[in-house]
Amino acid sequence: MILPWHLYLMAFLYILAGLNHFRKPGMYIKIIPPAFKNPKLINILSGAAEIILGIFLILPFTTQIAAWGIIMLLIAIFPANLYMFQNKKAGFGLPLWILFVRLPLQIVLIYWAYQYTF
C-alpha cells in the first residue's frame, strides 16, 4: 500500500518537532504553563510522543492509532499555545496576531490528523 505524500509530510513534521524537544528543551519548557508541574518531564514525554506518533503514522498497520494519538496530543498541548498567547515572555516576542492564529491552527491540525483515523 502506497501512502499519500501528505501523510509522509505530517509524519516528518511531527518527528522533526519531537526531535526539537530534545535539541532545544528550554524553548518548550518556557511555554508550559506554571500550573503544570515538572515541565522537564512534560517536555520529554511530549517530544517522545511526537517522534513515536510520527513514525507510527507511516506504518500502515498503526496509521489510524497514530492519528488518534496526534489528535489527543494536539488537545493536550493546547494550554501551552494559550499560555504563549497570554504571557508575553512565553510568546518569544512574537506578534500577538501570530500567537492568536496558532490557536485555531490546532483545529486545522486536528482535522488533518482526523483524515487518517479511518
C-alpha atoms as a PDB file:
ATOM      1  CA  MET A   1       0.000   0.000   0.000  1.00  0.00           C
ATOM      2  CA  ILE A   2       1.439   3.378  -1.030  1.00  0.00           C
ATOM      3  CA  LEU A   3       0.757   6.117   1.470  1.00  0.00           C
ATOM      4  CA  PRO A   4      -0.090   9.651   0.290  1.00  0.00           C
ATOM      5  CA  TRP A   5       2.685  12.255   0.308  1.00  0.00           C
ATOM      6  CA  HIS A   6       0.790  14.442   2.803  1.00  0.00           C
ATOM      7  CA  LEU A   7       0.870  11.636   5.346  1.00  0.00           C
ATOM      8  CA  TYR A   8       4.657  11.449   4.945  1.00  0.00           C
ATOM      9  CA  LEU A   9       4.778  15.230   5.338  1.00  0.00           C
ATOM     10  CA  MET A  10       2.767  15.070   8.547  1.00  0.00           C
ATOM     11  CA  ALA A  11       4.972  12.281   9.895  1.00  0.00           C
ATOM     12  CA  PHE A  12       8.128  14.218   9.012  1.00  0.00           C
ATOM     13  CA  LEU A  13       6.855  17.372  10.724  1.00  0.00           C
ATOM     14  CA  TYR A  14       5.950  15.549  13.949  1.00  0.00           C
ATOM     15  CA  ILE A  15       9.249  13.654  14.042  1.00  0.00           C
ATOM     16  CA  LEU A  16      11.154  16.891  13.452  1.00  0.00           C
ATOM     17  CA  ALA A  17       9.161  18.742  16.122  1.00  0.00           C
ATOM     18  CA  GLY A  18       9.700  15.867  18.550  1.00  0.00           C
ATOM     19  CA  LEU A  19      13.440  15.844  17.980  1.00  0.00           C
ATOM     20  CA  ASN A  20      13.487  19.584  18.577  1.00  0.00           C
ATOM     21  CA  HIS A  21      12.149  18.982  22.109  1.00  0.00           C
ATOM     22  CA  PHE A  22      15.492  17.338  22.850  1.00  0.00           C
ATOM     23  CA  ARG A  23      17.643  19.760  20.826  1.00  0.00           C
ATOM     24  CA  LYS A  24      16.179  22.898  22.426  1.00  0.00           C
ATOM     25  CA  PRO A  25      14.285  21.823  25.546  1.00  0.00           C
ATOM     26  CA  GLY A  26      14.323  25.293  27.090  1.00  0.00           C
ATOM     27  CA  MET A  27      12.163  26.620  24.275  1.00  0.00           C
ATOM     28  CA  TYR A  28       9.410  24.122  25.073  1.00  0.00           C
ATOM     29  CA  ILE A  29       9.775  24.228  28.840  1.00  0.00           C
ATOM     30  CA  LYS A  30       9.269  28.005  28.666  1.00  0.00           C
ATOM     31  CA  ILE A  31       5.779  27.623  27.151  1.00  0.00           C
ATOM     32  CA  ILE A  32       4.463  25.054  29.618  1.00  0.00           C
ATOM     33  CA  PRO A  33       2.016  26.863  31.908  1.00  0.00           C
ATOM     34  CA  PRO A  34       3.147  27.079  35.556  1.00  0.00           C
ATOM     35  CA  ALA A  35       0.031  25.179  36.646  1.00  0.00           C
ATOM     36  CA  PHE A  36       1.629  22.045  35.176  1.00  0.00           C
ATOM     37  CA  LYS A  37       4.228  20.514  37.458  1.00  0.00           C
ATOM     38  CA  ASN A  38       7.506  19.028  36.212  1.00  0.00           C
ATOM     39  CA  PRO A  39       7.808  20.830  32.869  1.00  0.00           C
ATOM     40  CA  LYS A  40      11.031  18.957  32.034  1.00  0.00           C
ATOM     41  CA  LEU A  41       9.202  15.637  32.168  1.00  0.00           C
ATOM     42  CA  ILE A  42       6.281  17.048  30.174  1.00  0.00           C
ATOM     43  CA  ASN A  43       8.730  18.232  27.516  1.00  0.00           C
ATOM     44  CA  ILE A  44      10.404  14.814  27.308  1.00  0.00           C
ATOM     45  CA  LEU A  45       7.084  12.961  27.143  1.00  0.00           C
ATOM     46  CA  SER A  46       5.557  15.252  24.519  1.00  0.00           C
ATOM     47  CA  GLY A  47       8.721  15.179  22.396  1.00  0.00           C
ATOM     48  CA  ALA A  48       8.910  11.386  22.584  1.00  0.00           C
ATOM     49  CA  ALA A  49       5.202  11.143  21.751  1.00  0.00           C
ATOM     50  CA  GLU A  50       5.657  13.308  18.652  1.00  0.00           C
ATOM     51  CA  ILE A  51       8.552  11.158  17.443  1.00  0.00           C
ATOM     52  CA  ILE A  52       6.788   7.850  18.106  1.00  0.00           C
ATOM     53  CA  LEU A  53       3.473   9.000  16.632  1.00  0.00           C
ATOM     54  CA  GLY A  54       5.270  10.400  13.587  1.00  0.00           C
ATOM     55  CA  ILE A  55       6.937   7.041  12.980  1.00  0.00           C
ATOM     56  CA  PHE A  56       3.685   5.170  13.575  1.00  0.00           C
ATOM     57  CA  LEU A  57       1.914   7.373  11.026  1.00  0.00           C
ATOM     58  CA  ILE A  58       3.952   5.864   8.197  1.00  0.00           C
ATOM     59  CA  LEU A  59       3.447   2.265   9.271  1.00  0.00           C
ATOM     60  CA  PRO A  60       0.208   1.198   7.550  1.00  0.00           C
ATOM     61  CA  PHE A  61      -0.883  -1.034  10.444  1.00  0.00           C
ATOM     62  CA  THR A  62      -0.524   1.811  13.007  1.00  0.00           C
ATOM     63  CA  THR A  63      -1.567   4.868  10.982  1.00  0.00           C
ATOM     64  CA  GLN A  64      -5.062   5.092  12.479  1.00  0.00           C
ATOM     65  CA  ILE A  65      -3.855   4.692  16.051  1.00  0.00           C
ATOM     66  CA  ALA A  66      -1.128   7.287  15.480  1.00  0.00           C
ATOM     67  CA  ALA A  67      -3.633   9.746  14.006  1.00  0.00           C
ATOM     68  CA  TRP A  68      -5.851   9.410  17.095  1.00  0.00           C
ATOM     69  CA  GLY A  69      -2.755   9.826  19.260  1.00  0.00           C
ATOM     70  CA  ILE A  70      -1.836  13.032  17.436  1.00  0.00           C
ATOM     71  CA  ILE A  71      -5.347  14.373  17.939  1.00  0.00           C
ATOM     72  CA  MET A  72      -5.064  13.693  21.671  1.00  0.00           C
ATOM     73  CA  LEU A  73      -1.600  15.234  21.765  1.00  0.00           C
ATOM     74  CA  LEU A  74      -2.794  18.384  19.993  1.00  0.00           C
ATOM     75  CA  ILE A  75      -5.590  18.736  22.534  1.00  0.00           C
ATOM     76  CA  ALA A  76      -3.139  18.142  25.393  1.00  0.00           C
ATOM     77  CA  ILE A  77      -0.689  20.808  24.215  1.00  0.00           C
ATOM     78  CA  PHE A  78      -3.360  23.446  23.607  1.00  0.00           C
ATOM     79  CA  PRO A  79      -2.777  25.009  27.049  1.00  0.00           C
ATOM     80  CA  ALA A  80       0.827  25.751  26.012  1.00  0.00           C
ATOM     81  CA  ASN A  81      -0.385  27.616  22.913  1.00  0.00           C
ATOM     82  CA  LEU A  82      -2.896  29.528  25.013  1.00  0.00           C
ATOM     83  CA  TYR A  83      -0.185  30.337  27.577  1.00  0.00           C
ATOM     84  CA  MET A  84       2.052  31.665  24.790  1.00  0.00           C
ATOM     85  CA  PHE A  85      -0.784  33.962  23.709  1.00  0.00           C
ATOM     86  CA  GLN A  86      -1.474  35.184  27.230  1.00  0.00           C
ATOM     87  CA  ASN A  87       2.090  35.524  28.523  1.00  0.00           C
ATOM     88  CA  LYS A  88       4.452  37.918  26.755  1.00  0.00           C
ATOM     89  CA  LYS A  89       7.586  36.141  27.999  1.00  0.00           C
ATOM     90  CA  ALA A  90       6.338  32.724  26.841  1.00  0.00           C
ATOM     91  CA  GLY A  91       5.425  34.207  23.451  1.00  0.00           C
ATOM     92  CA  PHE A  92       9.100  34.719  22.489  1.00  0.00           C
ATOM     93  CA  GLY A  93       8.329  38.292  21.467  1.00  0.00           C
ATOM     94  CA  LEU A  94       6.228  37.107  18.519  1.00  0.00           C
ATOM     95  CA  PRO A  95       3.477  39.463  17.367  1.00  0.00           C
ATOM     96  CA  LEU A  96       0.211  38.849  19.174  1.00  0.00           C
ATOM     97  CA  TRP A  97      -1.615  38.155  15.906  1.00  0.00           C
ATOM     98  CA  ILE A  98       0.722  35.225  15.145  1.00  0.00           C
ATOM     99  CA  LEU A  99       0.155  33.772  18.593  1.00  0.00           C
ATOM    100  CA  PHE A 100      -3.585  34.219  18.117  1.00  0.00           C
ATOM    101  CA  VAL A 101      -3.548  32.461  14.724  1.00  0.00           C
ATOM    102  CA  ARG A 102      -1.806  29.496  16.343  1.00  0.00           C
ATOM    103  CA  LEU A 103      -4.897  28.822  18.446  1.00  0.00           C
ATOM    104  CA  PRO A 104      -7.346  27.958  15.629  1.00  0.00           C
ATOM    105  CA  LEU A 105      -4.471  26.344  13.732  1.00  0.00           C
ATOM    106  CA  GLN A 106      -4.799  23.499  16.244  1.00  0.00           C
ATOM    107  CA  ILE A 107      -8.226  22.774  14.757  1.00  0.00           C
ATOM    108  CA  VAL A 108      -6.699  22.560  11.279  1.00  0.00           C
ATOM    109  CA  LEU A 109      -4.006  20.193  12.538  1.00  0.00           C
ATOM    110  CA  ILE A 110      -6.601  18.059  14.319  1.00  0.00           C
ATOM    111  CA  TYR A 111      -8.654  17.894  11.118  1.00  0.00           C
ATOM    112  CA  TRP A 112      -5.548  16.913   9.133  1.00  0.00           C
ATOM    113  CA  ALA A 113      -4.832  14.050  11.549  1.00  0.00           C
ATOM    114  CA  TYR A 114      -8.504  13.049  11.586  1.00  0.00           C
ATOM    115  CA  GLN A 115      -8.276  12.278   7.866  1.00  0.00           C
ATOM    116  CA  TYR A 116      -6.201   9.203   8.758  1.00  0.00           C
ATOM    117  CA  THR A 117      -8.404   7.795  11.528  1.00  0.00           C
ATOM    118  CA  PHE A 118     -10.495   5.616   9.200  1.00  0.00           C
END
